[in-house]
């Protein structure tokens, strides 16, 4: 999970803050360049496949 988290953060130019549960859904809170908080579900992080990754 840590690798997916870091790849997602690099691609989207956001910084992971902490794991979070919102309305029963697990995910992560991120901050963008404008210091806005963004919630991303863990399932989206696990399904994230960067373009540079070999298949």
PDB file of N, CA and C in Angstrom:
ATOM      1  N   UNK A   1       0.820  -1.190   0.000  1.00  0.00           N
ATOM      2  CA  UNK A   1       0.000   0.000   0.000  1.00  0.00           C
ATOM      3  C   UNK A   1       0.864   1.254   0.000  1.00  0.00           C
ATOM      4  N   UNK A   2       1.979   1.237   0.686  1.00  0.00           N
ATOM      5  CA  UNK A   2       2.840   2.417   0.754  1.00  0.00           C
ATOM      6  C   UNK A   2       3.344   2.821  -0.625  1.00  0.00           C
ATOM      7  N   UNK A   3       3.703   1.839  -1.450  1.00  0.00           N
ATOM      8  CA  UNK A   3       4.192   2.141  -2.798  1.00  0.00           C
ATOM      9  C   UNK A   3       3.090   2.780  -3.647  1.00  0.00           C
ATOM     10  N   UNK A   4       1.875   2.240  -3.586  1.00  0.00           N
ATOM     11  CA  UNK A   4       0.758   2.812  -4.338  1.00  0.00           C
ATOM     12  C   UNK A   4       0.454   4.230  -3.864  1.00  0.00           C
ATOM     13  N   UNK A   5       0.531   4.435  -2.562  1.00  0.00           N
ATOM     14  CA  UNK A   5       0.281   5.750  -1.982  1.00  0.00           C
ATOM     15  C   UNK A   5       1.282   6.770  -2.506  1.00  0.00           C
ATOM     16  N   UNK A   6       2.552   6.411  -2.493  1.00  0.00           N
ATOM     17  CA  UNK A   6       3.591   7.325  -2.970  1.00  0.00           C
ATOM     18  C   UNK A   6       3.499   7.578  -4.469  1.00  0.00           C
ATOM     19  N   UNK A   7       3.202   6.551  -5.259  1.00  0.00           N
ATOM     20  CA  UNK A   7       3.053   6.732  -6.705  1.00  0.00           C
ATOM     21  C   UNK A   7       1.875   7.655  -7.010  1.00  0.00           C
ATOM     22  N   UNK A   8       0.761   7.436  -6.343  1.00  0.00           N
ATOM     23  CA  UNK A   8      -0.425   8.262  -6.561  1.00  0.00           C
ATOM     24  C   UNK A   8      -0.110   9.720  -6.218  1.00  0.00           C
ATOM     25  N   UNK A   9       0.566   9.936  -5.109  1.00  0.00           N
ATOM     26  CA  UNK A   9       0.914  11.289  -4.678  1.00  0.00           C
ATOM     27  C   UNK A   9       1.834  11.971  -5.686  1.00  0.00           C
ATOM     28  N   UNK A  10       2.820  11.243  -6.213  1.00  0.00           N
ATOM     29  CA  UNK A  10       3.738  11.827  -7.207  1.00  0.00           C
ATOM     30  C   UNK A  10       3.010  12.207  -8.486  1.00  0.00           C
ATOM     31  N   UNK A  11       2.200  11.301  -8.992  1.00  0.00           N
ATOM     32  CA  UNK A  11       1.493  11.540 -10.254  1.00  0.00           C
ATOM     33  C   UNK A  11       0.541  12.730 -10.140  1.00  0.00           C
ATOM     34  N   UNK A  12      -0.146  12.851  -9.019  1.00  0.00           N
ATOM     35  CA  UNK A  12      -1.155  13.900  -8.849  1.00  0.00           C
ATOM     36  C   UNK A  12      -0.609  15.144  -8.145  1.00  0.00           C
ATOM     37  N   UNK A  13       0.684  15.138  -7.836  1.00  0.00           N
ATOM     38  CA  UNK A  13       1.355  16.268  -7.185  1.00  0.00           C
ATOM     39  C   UNK A  13       0.621  16.707  -5.915  1.00  0.00           C
ATOM     40  N   UNK A  14       0.364  15.718  -5.056  1.00  0.00           N
ATOM     41  CA  UNK A  14      -0.261  15.966  -3.766  1.00  0.00           C
ATOM     42  C   UNK A  14       0.555  15.259  -2.689  1.00  0.00           C
ATOM     43  N   UNK A  15       0.320  15.629  -1.443  1.00  0.00           N
ATOM     44  CA  UNK A  15       1.092  15.085  -0.324  1.00  0.00           C
ATOM     45  C   UNK A  15       0.160  14.295   0.595  1.00  0.00           C
ATOM     46  N   UNK A  16       0.506  13.021   0.894  1.00  0.00           N
ATOM     47  CA  UNK A  16      -0.329  12.263   1.831  1.00  0.00           C
ATOM     48  C   UNK A  16      -0.211  12.834   3.242  1.00  0.00           C
ATOM     49  N   UNK A  17      -1.349  12.928   3.931  1.00  0.00           N
ATOM     50  CA  UNK A  17      -1.371  13.483   5.283  1.00  0.00           C
ATOM     51  C   UNK A  17      -1.607  12.381   6.313  1.00  0.00           C
ATOM     52  N   UNK A  18      -2.720  11.646   6.160  1.00  0.00           N
ATOM     53  CA  UNK A  18      -3.030  10.572   7.105  1.00  0.00           C
ATOM     54  C   UNK A  18      -4.118   9.670   6.538  1.00  0.00           C
ATOM     55  N   UNK A  19      -4.169   8.450   7.076  1.00  0.00           N
ATOM     56  CA  UNK A  19      -5.262   7.559   6.688  1.00  0.00           C
ATOM     57  C   UNK A  19      -6.532   8.060   7.365  1.00  0.00           C
ATOM     58  N   UNK A  20      -7.673   7.785   6.729  1.00  0.00           N
ATOM     59  CA  UNK A  20      -8.912   8.360   7.215  1.00  0.00           C
ATOM     60  C   UNK A  20     -10.071   7.453   6.853  1.00  0.00           C
ATOM     61  N   UNK A  21     -11.111   7.498   7.628  1.00  0.00           N
ATOM     62  CA  UNK A  21     -12.346   6.762   7.329  1.00  0.00           C
ATOM     63  C   UNK A  21     -13.457   7.799   7.216  1.00  0.00           C
ATOM     64  N   UNK A  22     -14.120   7.816   6.052  1.00  0.00           N
ATOM     65  CA  UNK A  22     -15.184   8.788   5.800  1.00  0.00           C
ATOM     66  C   UNK A  22     -16.439   8.027   5.394  1.00  0.00           C
ATOM     67  N   UNK A  23     -17.493   8.178   6.147  1.00  0.00           N
ATOM     68  CA  UNK A  23     -18.768   7.501   5.867  1.00  0.00           C
ATOM     69  C   UNK A  23     -18.582   5.999   5.684  1.00  0.00           C
ATOM     70  N   UNK A  24     -17.734   5.396   6.496  1.00  0.00           N
ATOM     71  CA  UNK A  24     -17.498   3.958   6.434  1.00  0.00           C
ATOM     72  C   UNK A  24     -16.546   3.511   5.341  1.00  0.00           C
ATOM     73  N   UNK A  25     -15.962   4.453   4.604  1.00  0.00           N
ATOM     74  CA  UNK A  25     -15.041   4.129   3.510  1.00  0.00           C
ATOM     75  C   UNK A  25     -13.627   4.510   3.937  1.00  0.00           C
ATOM     76  N   UNK A  26     -12.696   3.553   3.832  1.00  0.00           N
ATOM     77  CA  UNK A  26     -11.311   3.836   4.200  1.00  0.00           C
ATOM     78  C   UNK A  26     -10.582   4.504   3.048  1.00  0.00           C
ATOM     79  N   UNK A  27      -9.685   5.409   3.397  1.00  0.00           N
ATOM     80  CA  UNK A  27      -8.916   6.105   2.377  1.00  0.00           C
ATOM     81  C   UNK A  27      -7.821   6.944   3.002  1.00  0.00           C
ATOM     82  N   UNK A  28      -7.345   7.906   2.232  1.00  0.00           N
ATOM     83  CA  UNK A  28      -6.271   8.786   2.682  1.00  0.00           C
ATOM     84  C   UNK A  28      -6.645  10.232   2.444  1.00  0.00           C
ATOM     85  N   UNK A  29      -6.193  11.090   3.356  1.00  0.00           N
ATOM     86  CA  UNK A  29      -6.305  12.526   3.159  1.00  0.00           C
ATOM     87  C   UNK A  29      -5.001  13.008   2.550  1.00  0.00           C
ATOM     88  N   UNK A  30      -5.117  13.834   1.524  1.00  0.00           N
ATOM     89  CA  UNK A  30      -3.966  14.440   0.867  1.00  0.00           C
ATOM     90  C   UNK A  30      -4.126  15.949   0.919  1.00  0.00           C
ATOM     91  N   UNK A  31      -3.027  16.665   0.711  1.00  0.00           N
ATOM     92  CA  UNK A  31      -3.070  18.123   0.561  1.00  0.00           C
ATOM     93  C   UNK A  31      -2.436  18.468  -0.780  1.00  0.00           C
ATOM     94  N   UNK A  32      -3.084  19.420  -1.479  1.00  0.00           N
ATOM     95  CA  UNK A  32      -2.532  19.857  -2.755  1.00  0.00           C
ATOM     96  C   UNK A  32      -1.710  21.128  -2.555  1.00  0.00           C
ATOM     97  N   UNK A  33      -1.254  21.712  -3.661  1.00  0.00           N
ATOM     98  CA  UNK A  33      -0.396  22.906  -3.579  1.00  0.00           C
ATOM     99  C   UNK A  33      -1.089  24.093  -2.929  1.00  0.00           C
ATOM    100  N   UNK A  34      -2.408  24.159  -3.046  1.00  0.00           N
ATOM    101  CA  UNK A  34      -3.171  25.257  -2.449  1.00  0.00           C
ATOM    102  C   UNK A  34      -3.572  24.944  -1.006  1.00  0.00           C
ATOM    103  N   UNK A  35      -3.026  23.853  -0.458  1.00  0.00           N
ATOM    104  CA  UNK A  35      -3.289  23.407   0.911  1.00  0.00           C
ATOM    105  C   UNK A  35      -4.736  22.957   1.116  1.00  0.00           C
ATOM    106  N   UNK A  36      -5.396  22.535   0.030  1.00  0.00           N
ATOM    107  CA  UNK A  36      -6.742  21.992   0.134  1.00  0.00           C
ATOM    108  C   UNK A  36      -6.653  20.512   0.469  1.00  0.00           C
ATOM    109  N   UNK A  37      -7.592  20.039   1.270  1.00  0.00           N
ATOM    110  CA  UNK A  37      -7.634  18.635   1.661  1.00  0.00           C
ATOM    111  C   UNK A  37      -8.434  17.846   0.633  1.00  0.00           C
ATOM    112  N   UNK A  38      -7.892  16.693   0.230  1.00  0.00           N
ATOM    113  CA  UNK A  38      -8.521  15.819  -0.752  1.00  0.00           C
ATOM    114  C   UNK A  38      -8.606  14.424  -0.142  1.00  0.00           C
ATOM    115  N   UNK A  39      -9.784  13.797  -0.213  1.00  0.00           N
ATOM    116  CA  UNK A  39      -9.957  12.432   0.267  1.00  0.00           C
ATOM    117  C   UNK A  39      -9.947  11.486  -0.923  1.00  0.00           C
ATOM    118  N   UNK A  40      -9.122  10.433  -0.852  1.00  0.00           N
ATOM    119  CA  UNK A  40      -9.049   9.428  -1.913  1.00  0.00           C
ATOM    120  C   UNK A  40      -9.283   8.063  -1.275  1.00  0.00           C
ATOM    121  N   UNK A  41     -10.248   7.322  -1.821  1.00  0.00           N
ATOM    122  CA  UNK A  41     -10.556   5.989  -1.307  1.00  0.00           C
ATOM    123  C   UNK A  41      -9.380   5.046  -1.522  1.00  0.00           C
ATOM    124  N   UNK A  42      -9.167   4.146  -0.568  1.00  0.00           N
ATOM    125  CA  UNK A  42      -8.082   3.166  -0.679  1.00  0.00           C
ATOM    126  C   UNK A  42      -8.216   2.321  -1.935  1.00  0.00           C
ATOM    127  N   UNK A  43      -9.445   1.997  -2.337  1.00  0.00           N
ATOM    128  CA  UNK A  43      -9.643   1.180  -3.541  1.00  0.00           C
ATOM    129  C   UNK A  43      -9.108   1.885  -4.781  1.00  0.00           C
ATOM    130  N   UNK A  44      -9.197   3.214  -4.833  1.00  0.00           N
ATOM    131  CA  UNK A  44      -8.646   3.963  -5.970  1.00  0.00           C
ATOM    132  C   UNK A  44      -7.124   3.926  -5.944  1.00  0.00           C
ATOM    133  N   UNK A  45      -6.547   3.967  -4.752  1.00  0.00           N
ATOM    134  CA  UNK A  45      -5.086   3.903  -4.642  1.00  0.00           C
ATOM    135  C   UNK A  45      -4.576   2.541  -5.084  1.00  0.00           C
ATOM    136  N   UNK A  46      -5.275   1.492  -4.686  1.00  0.00           N
ATOM    137  CA  UNK A  46      -4.847   0.137  -5.044  1.00  0.00           C
ATOM    138  C   UNK A  46      -5.027  -0.129  -6.529  1.00  0.00           C
ATOM    139  N   UNK A  47      -6.001   0.511  -7.152  1.00  0.00           N
ATOM    140  CA  UNK A  47      -6.250   0.316  -8.574  1.00  0.00           C
ATOM    141  C   UNK A  47      -5.439   1.229  -9.460  1.00  0.00           C
ATOM    142  N   UNK A  48      -4.679   2.154  -8.866  1.00  0.00           N
ATOM    143  CA  UNK A  48      -3.896   3.127  -9.630  1.00  0.00           C
ATOM    144  C   UNK A  48      -2.710   2.455 -10.306  1.00  0.00           C
ATOM    145  N   UNK A  49      -2.620   2.586 -11.618  1.00  0.00           N
ATOM    146  CA  UNK A  49      -1.509   2.016 -12.384  1.00  0.00           C
ATOM    147  C   UNK A  49      -0.818   3.136 -13.152  1.00  0.00           C
ATOM    148  N   UNK A  50       0.315   3.609 -12.685  1.00  0.00           N
ATOM    149  CA  UNK A  50       1.011   4.681 -13.398  1.00  0.00           C
ATOM    150  C   UNK A  50       1.448   4.238 -14.789  1.00  0.00           C
ATOM    151  N   UNK A  51       1.519   5.183 -15.705  1.00  0.00           N
ATOM    152  CA  UNK A  51       1.854   4.891 -17.102  1.00  0.00           C
ATOM    153  C   UNK A  51       3.265   4.337 -17.257  1.00  0.00           C
ATOM    154  N   UNK A  52       4.171   4.700 -16.358  1.00  0.00           N
ATOM    155  CA  UNK A  52       5.559   4.266 -16.501  1.00  0.00           C
ATOM    156  C   UNK A  52       5.803   2.858 -15.979  1.00  0.00           C
ATOM    157  N   UNK A  53       4.827   2.250 -15.350  1.00  0.00           N
ATOM    158  CA  UNK A  53       5.013   0.911 -14.787  1.00  0.00           C
ATOM    159  C   UNK A  53       4.915  -0.151 -15.889  1.00  0.00           C
ATOM    160  N   UNK A  54       5.891  -1.038 -15.949  1.00  0.00           N
ATOM    161  CA  UNK A  54       5.884  -2.106 -16.958  1.00  0.00           C
ATOM    162  C   UNK A  54       4.850  -3.157 -16.602  1.00  0.00           C
ATOM    163  N   UNK A  55       4.205  -3.729 -17.635  1.00  0.00           N
ATOM    164  CA  UNK A  55       3.194  -4.753 -17.358  1.00  0.00           C
ATOM    165  C   UNK A  55       3.770  -6.134 -17.386  1.00  0.00           C
TER     166      UNK A  55
END
